[in-house]
Amino acid sequence: MTDLRLPPPADQESSVRIRPPRPEIRNRARPVWLFFALIHVGFLARLLPFIIGGGVLSDIRFYREWAYQALNDGVWEGIDTAWVYPVGALAPMLVATILGPHLYQLAWFVLFAALNAVATAVLVRRGTPSSCTAAYWWLGVTALLGPVAVGRIDGLTAPMVITALLVIATRPSIASLVLSAATWMKVWPAVVLLAALVVLRKSRLALLAAGAALTAVIAVVVGVFGDIRHLTGFLSAQGARGMQLEAPLSTPGVWQAITGTSGAYFFEDEVINTMEVRGALSEVVGALMTPLLVLSVVLIAVVLAVARHRGVPGDALLATGSLALVSALVVFNKVGSPQFMLWIAAVIGVGLALGQAARWRYPAIAMLVTAGLTTLVYPIFYDALRYDLQPAVAVLLTLRNLLVVSIFVWSLVRLGRLAARRHAPAIVRPRGA
């Protein structure tokens, strides 16, 4: 009797599997955890002066203010008033009050380290060399981004996205809850969830149900305890902003302001604590950002749907499509905050982990350089750029933005190639044939 080996189904949605820990996996993971400890001890050492003195780093001062404004004064951002963040962002801000206002920075660091530990554990638990490489890479990027990783809420949502994408094949409902929770903290994970809905056809109902359930609970809470109109207030809060200094498409305006041509100049908006490019074509460019962003998201989603219909494996599509969508959010954005680099890095980390390290070499290397340049621009030399208009710092920013655009282009090219290649169903062959 002929022995037949059955290949995996042609429409298998993802090759991601959480495997039970084996001795070889544990051995491979130990150095990763040592590197994890080294990175986070370094973070803690840098934060120690803030922790001892009762201070906080970067935007965490706003998080502490909003949390205690809610607890002490009864004014809940996103519930009682419109807010720049989705209302779910209050959750980690409130959790960080557990040690009191003096140790708020320490509590925030513990949150950051815990979520990073979960993402690292999910990475190394897969047990492949590529997943361990991805873990090292992710931790390295986190270290390079330094203050914006540990000092912004994006440092929490990025490891949540990594965790969700790596368990989505086997636990779609849990992954959807994690992605939805991250979206209600910071909007960007919504496009990752969109990619999953387009690509993972068999899991679509579970993804929709879990995400809709969490959203419904949040909406009920806001409606009962506040004003339901504030639920989407964060969308309009961004509309009046100008082109931020670091935004990729602000680069020509930055150079116009430095060289004194075309009437461009830097403007500090003290209300929302940003530096913007004003004058010249900045208003026109700013007005085009939202339409271009919406158009790019729609077109990428269409290409994803076409590629999936043509039989492209779900794991390759999910990682590439997520990178294209997230990169579009960064490129076509009036805001160019440095923490946006964490969005791109999280998806690249997943791409590396899915056994495609060679194919993802360019974005991985480009992102490492991007992370280093980002930290050089902000916070190290930021004042020299915004106040002294130093051309050397503008060069660093320009290189950073060109790399971001190149990662976006890479994702589009790879997605296009995947969509153009029809994947034929696998054929059952006798052993030895």
Protein backbone atom coordinates (compact mmCIF):
# COMPACT_ATOMS: atom_id res chain seq x y z
CA MET A 1 0.00 0.00 0.00
CA THR A 2 1.39 3.35 -1.01
CA ASP A 3 2.17 5.73 1.84
CA LEU A 4 0.94 9.22 1.10
CA ARG A 5 2.22 12.33 2.83
CA LEU A 6 -0.44 14.99 2.97
CA PRO A 7 0.87 18.53 2.70
CA PRO A 8 -0.73 21.35 4.67
CA PRO A 9 -3.92 22.80 3.18
CA ALA A 10 -3.31 25.29 0.39
CA ASP A 11 -5.40 27.94 2.09
CA GLN A 12 -3.72 27.55 5.48
CA GLU A 13 -3.92 31.02 6.96
CA SER A 14 -0.77 31.15 9.02
CA SER A 15 2.16 29.03 10.03
CA VAL A 16 2.38 30.67 13.45
CA ARG A 17 2.11 28.10 16.21
CA ILE A 18 2.84 28.36 19.93
CA ARG A 19 4.83 25.22 20.67
CA PRO A 20 5.39 23.59 24.05
CA PRO A 21 8.78 24.46 25.50
CA ARG A 22 11.45 21.85 24.77
CA PRO A 23 14.97 21.71 26.24
CA GLU A 24 16.56 23.03 23.04
CA ILE A 25 14.09 25.92 23.01
CA ARG A 26 14.89 26.77 26.63
CA ASN A 27 18.61 26.67 25.87
CA ARG A 28 18.17 28.94 22.89
CA ALA A 29 16.02 31.34 24.92
CA ARG A 30 18.39 31.80 27.88
CA PRO A 31 20.74 34.25 26.11
CA VAL A 32 17.71 36.20 24.90
CA TRP A 33 16.48 36.63 28.46
CA LEU A 34 19.94 37.71 29.58
CA PHE A 35 19.87 40.34 26.84
CA PHE A 36 16.35 41.32 27.94
CA ALA A 37 17.58 41.77 31.51
CA LEU A 38 20.58 43.80 30.37
CA ILE A 39 18.41 46.16 28.31
CA HIS A 40 15.84 46.71 31.03
CA VAL A 41 18.37 47.12 33.83
CA GLY A 42 19.92 49.79 31.64
CA PHE A 43 16.54 51.48 31.30
CA LEU A 44 16.01 51.30 35.05
CA ALA A 45 19.43 52.79 35.76
CA ARG A 46 18.67 55.69 33.44
CA LEU A 47 15.31 56.26 35.13
CA LEU A 48 16.68 55.99 38.67
CA PRO A 49 17.16 59.77 39.16
CA PHE A 50 13.52 60.34 38.16
CA ILE A 51 12.31 57.53 40.40
CA ILE A 52 14.25 58.72 43.46
CA GLY A 53 13.26 62.34 42.94
CA GLY A 54 9.60 61.64 42.22
CA GLY A 55 9.94 62.92 38.67
CA VAL A 56 8.81 61.43 35.39
CA LEU A 57 10.26 61.15 31.89
CA SER A 58 8.86 62.76 28.75
CA ASP A 59 5.10 62.51 28.17
CA ILE A 60 4.61 60.50 31.36
CA ARG A 61 4.18 63.83 33.14
CA PHE A 62 0.94 64.30 31.20
CA TYR A 63 -0.14 60.72 31.94
CA ARG A 64 0.31 61.28 35.67
CA GLU A 65 -1.53 64.59 35.53
CA TRP A 66 -4.49 63.09 33.67
CA ALA A 67 -4.66 60.06 35.98
CA TYR A 68 -4.72 62.09 39.19
CA GLN A 69 -7.06 64.65 37.65
CA ALA A 70 -9.51 61.76 37.26
CA LEU A 71 -8.91 60.23 40.70
CA ASN A 72 -8.72 63.45 42.72
CA ASP A 73 -10.84 65.93 40.80
CA GLY A 74 -13.31 63.62 39.11
CA VAL A 75 -12.52 64.89 35.61
CA TRP A 76 -12.07 61.90 33.32
CA GLU A 77 -10.42 62.60 29.98
CA GLY A 78 -12.24 60.95 27.09
CA ILE A 79 -15.36 60.48 29.24
CA ASP A 80 -16.19 63.89 30.68
CA THR A 81 -14.24 65.84 28.05
CA ALA A 82 -12.84 65.33 24.56
CA TRP A 83 -9.30 63.99 24.57
CA VAL A 84 -6.36 63.67 22.21
CA TYR A 85 -6.12 59.92 23.00
CA PRO A 86 -8.73 57.15 22.74
CA VAL A 87 -10.37 56.64 26.12
CA GLY A 88 -8.68 53.27 26.69
CA ALA A 89 -5.38 55.06 27.21
CA LEU A 90 -6.65 55.95 30.68
CA ALA A 91 -6.30 52.30 31.75
CA PRO A 92 -2.48 52.08 31.91
CA MET A 93 -2.27 55.65 33.19
CA LEU A 94 -4.52 54.72 36.10
CA VAL A 95 -2.75 51.40 36.73
CA ALA A 96 0.52 53.31 37.08
CA THR A 97 -0.92 55.17 40.10
CA ILE A 98 -0.75 51.97 42.15
CA LEU A 99 2.51 53.05 43.85
CA GLY A 100 1.44 56.64 44.35
CA PRO A 101 2.44 59.85 42.56
CA HIS A 102 6.04 59.81 43.79
CA LEU A 103 6.74 56.39 42.25
CA TYR A 104 4.60 56.86 39.14
CA GLN A 105 7.68 56.52 36.90
CA LEU A 106 8.63 53.22 38.53
CA ALA A 107 5.13 51.82 38.06
CA TRP A 108 5.11 52.91 34.41
CA PHE A 109 8.47 51.21 33.87
CA VAL A 110 7.14 47.98 35.40
CA LEU A 111 4.19 48.09 32.96
CA PHE A 112 6.56 48.66 30.06
CA ALA A 113 8.91 45.85 31.13
CA ALA A 114 6.05 43.41 31.77
CA LEU A 115 4.49 43.88 28.33
CA ASN A 116 7.91 43.66 26.69
CA ALA A 117 8.53 40.44 28.62
CA VAL A 118 5.28 38.96 27.31
CA ALA A 119 6.19 39.86 23.72
CA THR A 120 9.68 38.41 24.16
CA ALA A 121 8.27 35.21 25.68
CA VAL A 122 5.88 34.72 22.76
CA LEU A 123 8.73 35.28 20.33
CA VAL A 124 11.17 32.83 21.88
CA ARG A 125 8.50 30.23 22.68
CA ARG A 126 8.16 29.55 18.96
CA GLY A 127 11.59 27.97 19.29
CA THR A 128 13.01 28.77 15.86
CA PRO A 129 16.34 30.54 15.26
CA SER A 130 14.49 33.28 13.38
CA SER A 131 12.19 33.94 16.34
CA CYS A 132 15.16 34.33 18.68
CA THR A 133 16.82 36.62 16.14
CA ALA A 134 13.60 38.64 16.07
CA ALA A 135 13.63 38.87 19.87
CA TYR A 136 17.22 40.14 19.91
CA TRP A 137 16.36 42.58 17.13
CA TRP A 138 13.24 43.90 18.87
CA LEU A 139 15.07 44.42 22.16
CA GLY A 140 17.90 46.17 20.32
CA VAL A 141 15.52 48.55 18.57
CA THR A 142 13.80 49.24 21.88
CA ALA A 143 17.15 50.14 23.42
CA LEU A 144 18.09 52.38 20.48
CA LEU A 145 14.81 54.27 20.75
CA GLY A 146 15.48 54.67 24.46
CA PRO A 147 13.41 57.52 25.96
CA VAL A 148 10.53 57.30 23.49
CA ALA A 149 10.20 53.57 24.12
CA VAL A 150 9.96 53.82 27.88
CA GLY A 151 8.47 57.31 28.05
CA ARG A 152 5.45 57.08 25.74
CA ILE A 153 2.30 54.97 25.68
CA ASP A 154 3.43 53.55 22.32
CA GLY A 155 6.02 51.58 24.32
CA LEU A 156 3.08 49.62 25.71
CA THR A 157 1.04 49.16 22.54
CA ALA A 158 3.98 47.97 20.39
CA PRO A 159 4.67 44.75 22.39
CA MET A 160 0.91 44.17 22.57
CA VAL A 161 0.79 44.15 18.76
CA ILE A 162 3.74 41.74 18.57
CA THR A 163 2.03 39.38 21.02
CA ALA A 164 -1.30 39.53 19.20
CA LEU A 165 0.15 38.88 15.73
CA LEU A 166 2.11 35.86 16.96
CA VAL A 167 -0.89 34.16 18.60
CA ILE A 168 -3.56 35.20 16.10
CA ALA A 169 -3.48 31.89 14.19
CA THR A 170 -4.32 29.76 17.22
CA ARG A 171 -6.08 32.29 19.47
CA PRO A 172 -7.88 34.74 17.17
CA SER A 173 -10.33 35.96 19.83
CA ILE A 174 -7.56 36.71 22.33
CA ALA A 175 -5.47 38.36 19.63
CA SER A 176 -8.42 40.52 18.61
CA LEU A 177 -9.02 41.58 22.20
CA VAL A 178 -5.36 42.54 22.57
CA LEU A 179 -5.34 44.46 19.27
CA SER A 180 -8.63 46.16 20.10
CA ALA A 181 -7.39 47.12 23.57
CA ALA A 182 -4.22 48.53 22.01
CA THR A 183 -6.32 50.45 19.47
CA TRP A 184 -8.36 52.03 22.25
CA MET A 185 -5.07 53.15 23.80
CA LYS A 186 -3.45 54.44 20.58
CA VAL A 187 -5.19 54.25 17.22
CA TRP A 188 -2.46 52.70 15.07
CA PRO A 189 -3.09 48.98 15.90
CA ALA A 190 -6.44 49.34 14.11
CA VAL A 191 -4.73 48.92 10.74
CA VAL A 192 -3.05 45.72 11.95
CA LEU A 193 -6.49 44.42 12.89
CA LEU A 194 -7.72 45.49 9.45
CA ALA A 195 -4.96 43.46 7.81
CA ALA A 196 -5.94 40.43 9.90
CA LEU A 197 -9.61 40.77 8.96
CA VAL A 198 -8.75 40.89 5.26
CA VAL A 199 -6.22 38.05 5.32
CA LEU A 200 -7.49 35.56 7.91
CA ARG A 201 -10.79 34.54 6.39
CA LYS A 202 -11.49 31.56 8.68
CA SER A 203 -10.89 33.64 11.80
CA ARG A 204 -12.77 36.73 10.61
CA LEU A 205 -15.90 36.12 12.69
CA ALA A 206 -13.92 35.53 15.89
CA LEU A 207 -11.83 38.64 15.25
CA LEU A 208 -14.90 40.79 14.62
CA ALA A 209 -16.85 39.43 17.56
CA ALA A 210 -14.09 39.96 20.12
CA GLY A 211 -13.23 43.44 18.87
CA ALA A 212 -16.86 44.50 18.70
CA ALA A 213 -17.53 43.19 22.21
CA LEU A 214 -14.69 45.19 23.74
CA THR A 215 -15.69 48.30 21.81
CA ALA A 216 -19.29 47.93 22.97
CA VAL A 217 -18.20 47.69 26.62
CA ILE A 218 -16.07 50.83 26.27
CA ALA A 219 -18.92 52.68 24.56
CA VAL A 220 -21.36 51.73 27.31
CA VAL A 221 -18.95 52.93 30.02
CA VAL A 222 -18.44 56.27 28.29
CA GLY A 223 -22.17 56.65 27.62
CA VAL A 224 -23.22 55.84 31.20
CA PHE A 225 -20.56 57.84 33.03
CA GLY A 226 -19.96 60.66 30.58
CA ASP A 227 -20.84 61.91 27.12
CA ILE A 228 -20.87 59.34 24.32
CA ARG A 229 -19.81 62.06 21.88
CA HIS A 230 -16.39 62.06 23.53
CA LEU A 231 -15.83 58.44 22.48
CA THR A 232 -14.45 59.56 19.10
CA GLY A 233 -13.23 62.98 20.21
CA PHE A 234 -9.61 61.98 19.57
CA LEU A 235 -10.31 61.92 15.82
CA SER A 236 -11.25 65.60 15.62
CA ALA A 237 -8.58 66.61 18.15
CA GLN A 238 -5.88 65.90 15.56
CA GLY A 239 -7.59 67.78 12.74
CA ALA A 240 -6.42 71.30 13.63
CA ARG A 241 -2.75 70.36 13.93
CA GLY A 242 -0.22 71.62 11.41
CA MET A 243 2.66 69.69 9.85
CA GLN A 244 4.91 68.64 12.71
CA LEU A 245 8.63 69.24 12.33
CA GLU A 246 9.61 65.55 12.23
CA ALA A 247 6.86 64.30 9.90
CA PRO A 248 8.35 62.66 6.78
CA LEU A 249 6.54 64.96 4.35
CA SER A 250 7.58 68.03 6.36
CA THR A 251 11.19 67.51 5.24
CA PRO A 252 11.08 70.00 2.30
CA GLY A 253 9.51 72.61 4.59
CA VAL A 254 12.22 72.03 7.21
CA TRP A 255 14.90 72.84 4.66
CA GLN A 256 12.97 75.86 3.40
CA ALA A 257 12.81 77.19 6.95
CA ILE A 258 16.53 76.57 7.52
CA THR A 259 17.58 78.21 4.25
CA GLY A 260 15.09 81.06 4.66
CA THR A 261 13.31 80.45 1.37
CA SER A 262 9.59 80.47 0.44
CA GLY A 263 8.52 81.98 3.75
CA ALA A 264 8.58 78.71 5.73
CA TYR A 265 9.27 78.90 9.46
CA PHE A 266 9.10 76.84 12.66
CA PHE A 267 6.20 77.47 15.04
CA GLU A 268 5.97 76.16 18.60
CA ASP A 269 2.43 75.22 19.56
CA GLU A 270 2.61 75.43 23.34
CA VAL A 271 -0.96 74.15 23.80
CA ILE A 272 -0.20 70.68 22.40
CA ASN A 273 3.57 70.87 22.96
CA THR A 274 4.70 70.43 19.35
CA MET A 275 6.97 72.20 16.89
CA GLU A 276 5.38 72.70 13.49
CA VAL A 277 6.42 73.90 10.05
CA ARG A 278 4.33 76.85 8.93
CA GLY A 279 4.23 78.90 5.75
CA ALA A 280 5.21 77.97 2.17
CA LEU A 281 3.27 74.83 1.14
CA SER A 282 2.91 73.39 4.65
CA GLU A 283 -0.82 74.17 4.87
CA VAL A 284 -1.48 72.57 1.49
CA VAL A 285 0.58 69.50 2.39
CA GLY A 286 -1.18 69.26 5.75
CA ALA A 287 -4.59 69.37 4.08
CA LEU A 288 -3.60 66.50 1.78
CA MET A 289 -2.42 64.18 4.55
CA THR A 290 -5.78 62.75 5.61
CA PRO A 291 -7.06 62.07 2.05
CA LEU A 292 -3.73 60.46 1.10
CA LEU A 293 -3.74 58.35 4.25
CA VAL A 294 -7.29 57.11 3.69
CA LEU A 295 -6.60 56.38 0.01
CA SER A 296 -3.39 54.47 0.77
CA VAL A 297 -5.10 52.35 3.44
CA VAL A 298 -7.97 51.47 1.09
CA LEU A 299 -5.65 50.57 -1.79
CA ILE A 300 -3.40 48.41 0.41
CA ALA A 301 -6.44 46.59 1.82
CA VAL A 302 -7.67 45.91 -1.74
CA VAL A 303 -4.29 44.50 -2.78
CA LEU A 304 -4.28 42.32 0.34
CA ALA A 305 -7.72 40.96 -0.54
CA VAL A 306 -6.64 40.21 -4.12
CA ALA A 307 -3.47 38.47 -2.95
CA ARG A 308 -5.40 36.32 -0.47
CA HIS A 309 -7.91 35.39 -3.16
CA ARG A 310 -5.00 34.25 -5.34
CA GLY A 311 -3.87 31.84 -2.63
CA VAL A 312 -0.96 33.69 -1.05
CA PRO A 313 -0.24 32.18 2.42
CA GLY A 314 -1.72 34.17 5.26
CA ASP A 315 1.43 34.52 7.37
CA ALA A 316 3.42 36.22 4.61
CA LEU A 317 0.49 38.47 3.75
CA LEU A 318 -0.33 39.41 7.32
CA ALA A 319 3.17 40.60 8.16
CA THR A 320 3.74 42.40 4.86
CA GLY A 321 0.28 43.95 4.75
CA SER A 322 0.56 45.12 8.35
CA LEU A 323 3.91 46.75 7.60
CA ALA A 324 2.50 48.51 4.52
CA LEU A 325 -0.50 49.82 6.45
CA VAL A 326 1.46 50.91 9.51
CA SER A 327 4.14 52.56 7.37
CA ALA A 328 1.42 54.44 5.49
CA LEU A 329 0.17 55.77 8.84
CA VAL A 330 3.63 57.19 9.50
CA VAL A 331 4.43 58.53 6.02
CA PHE A 332 1.06 60.23 5.43
CA ASN A 333 0.80 61.78 8.88
CA LYS A 334 0.88 65.41 9.95
CA VAL A 335 2.38 64.27 13.23
CA GLY A 336 5.92 62.90 13.13
CA SER A 337 6.48 61.93 16.73
CA PRO A 338 9.58 59.75 17.30
CA GLN A 339 7.58 57.03 19.04
CA PHE A 340 5.94 56.24 15.69
CA MET A 341 9.07 54.28 14.88
CA LEU A 342 7.92 51.72 17.45
CA TRP A 343 4.87 51.02 15.28
CA ILE A 344 6.99 50.06 12.30
CA ALA A 345 9.51 48.17 14.43
CA ALA A 346 6.85 45.98 16.04
CA VAL A 347 5.61 44.70 12.67
CA ILE A 348 9.12 44.16 11.31
CA GLY A 349 9.89 42.10 14.43
CA VAL A 350 6.92 39.86 13.62
CA GLY A 351 8.04 39.56 9.99
CA LEU A 352 11.46 38.41 11.15
CA ALA A 353 9.93 35.91 13.57
CA LEU A 354 7.82 34.17 10.96
CA GLY A 355 10.85 32.45 9.45
CA GLN A 356 11.42 35.08 6.78
CA ALA A 357 14.54 36.73 8.19
CA ALA A 358 16.39 36.73 4.87
CA ARG A 359 13.49 38.34 3.05
CA TRP A 360 13.06 40.93 5.78
CA ARG A 361 16.74 41.83 5.97
CA TYR A 362 16.39 45.26 4.37
CA PRO A 363 13.61 46.66 6.60
CA ALA A 364 15.31 45.15 9.67
CA ILE A 365 18.64 46.85 8.96
CA ALA A 366 16.97 50.07 7.83
CA MET A 367 14.91 50.18 11.02
CA LEU A 368 17.98 49.76 13.23
CA VAL A 369 19.59 52.76 11.54
CA THR A 370 16.28 54.64 11.69
CA ALA A 371 15.99 54.04 15.43
CA GLY A 372 19.48 55.35 16.05
CA LEU A 373 18.89 58.46 13.91
CA THR A 374 15.54 59.06 15.63
CA THR A 375 17.16 59.21 19.06
CA LEU A 376 19.92 61.47 17.78
CA VAL A 377 17.29 63.91 16.50
CA TYR A 378 15.04 63.54 19.56
CA PRO A 379 15.90 64.07 22.32
CA ILE A 380 19.68 64.53 21.87
CA PHE A 381 19.90 67.31 19.27
CA TYR A 382 16.27 68.39 19.06
CA ASP A 383 16.75 71.83 20.61
CA ALA A 384 19.60 72.54 18.18
CA LEU A 385 17.19 71.90 15.33
CA ARG A 386 14.04 73.66 16.50
CA TYR A 387 15.67 76.71 18.10
CA ASP A 388 19.03 77.07 16.31
CA LEU A 389 17.99 75.64 12.91
CA GLN A 390 21.15 73.54 12.74
CA PRO A 391 21.56 72.06 9.22
CA ALA A 392 23.56 69.08 10.55
CA VAL A 393 20.58 67.93 12.63
CA ALA A 394 18.28 68.49 9.66
CA VAL A 395 20.51 66.12 7.68
CA LEU A 396 20.01 63.43 10.36
CA LEU A 397 16.24 63.98 10.27
CA THR A 398 16.19 63.87 6.47
CA LEU A 399 18.08 60.57 6.43
CA ARG A 400 15.68 59.17 9.04
CA ASN A 401 12.65 60.18 7.00
CA LEU A 402 14.10 58.81 3.76
CA LEU A 403 14.63 55.46 5.50
CA VAL A 404 11.04 55.46 6.74
CA VAL A 405 9.78 56.12 3.22
CA SER A 406 12.07 53.39 1.86
CA ILE A 407 10.60 50.85 4.31
CA PHE A 408 7.13 51.85 3.14
CA VAL A 409 8.16 51.42 -0.51
CA TRP A 410 9.78 48.05 0.29
CA SER A 411 6.53 46.82 1.85
CA LEU A 412 4.51 47.95 -1.18
CA VAL A 413 6.91 46.25 -3.62
CA ARG A 414 6.88 43.01 -1.62
CA LEU A 415 3.10 43.11 -1.30
CA GLY A 416 2.76 43.70 -5.02
CA ARG A 417 5.01 40.74 -5.81
CA LEU A 418 3.02 38.49 -3.50
CA ALA A 419 -0.24 39.58 -5.08
CA ALA A 420 1.09 39.04 -8.61
CA ARG A 421 2.18 35.48 -7.89
CA ARG A 422 -0.60 32.90 -8.03
CA HIS A 423 -0.12 30.09 -5.51
CA ALA A 424 -1.35 26.80 -6.89
CA PRO A 425 -2.91 24.20 -4.54
CA ALA A 426 -0.47 21.65 -3.19
CA ILE A 427 -0.48 18.21 -4.85
CA VAL A 428 -0.48 14.95 -2.91
CA ARG A 429 2.46 12.84 -4.08
CA PRO A 430 3.44 9.28 -3.13
CA ARG A 431 6.58 9.01 -0.99
CA GLY A 432 9.65 8.67 -3.12
CA ALA A 433 7.99 10.07 -6.24
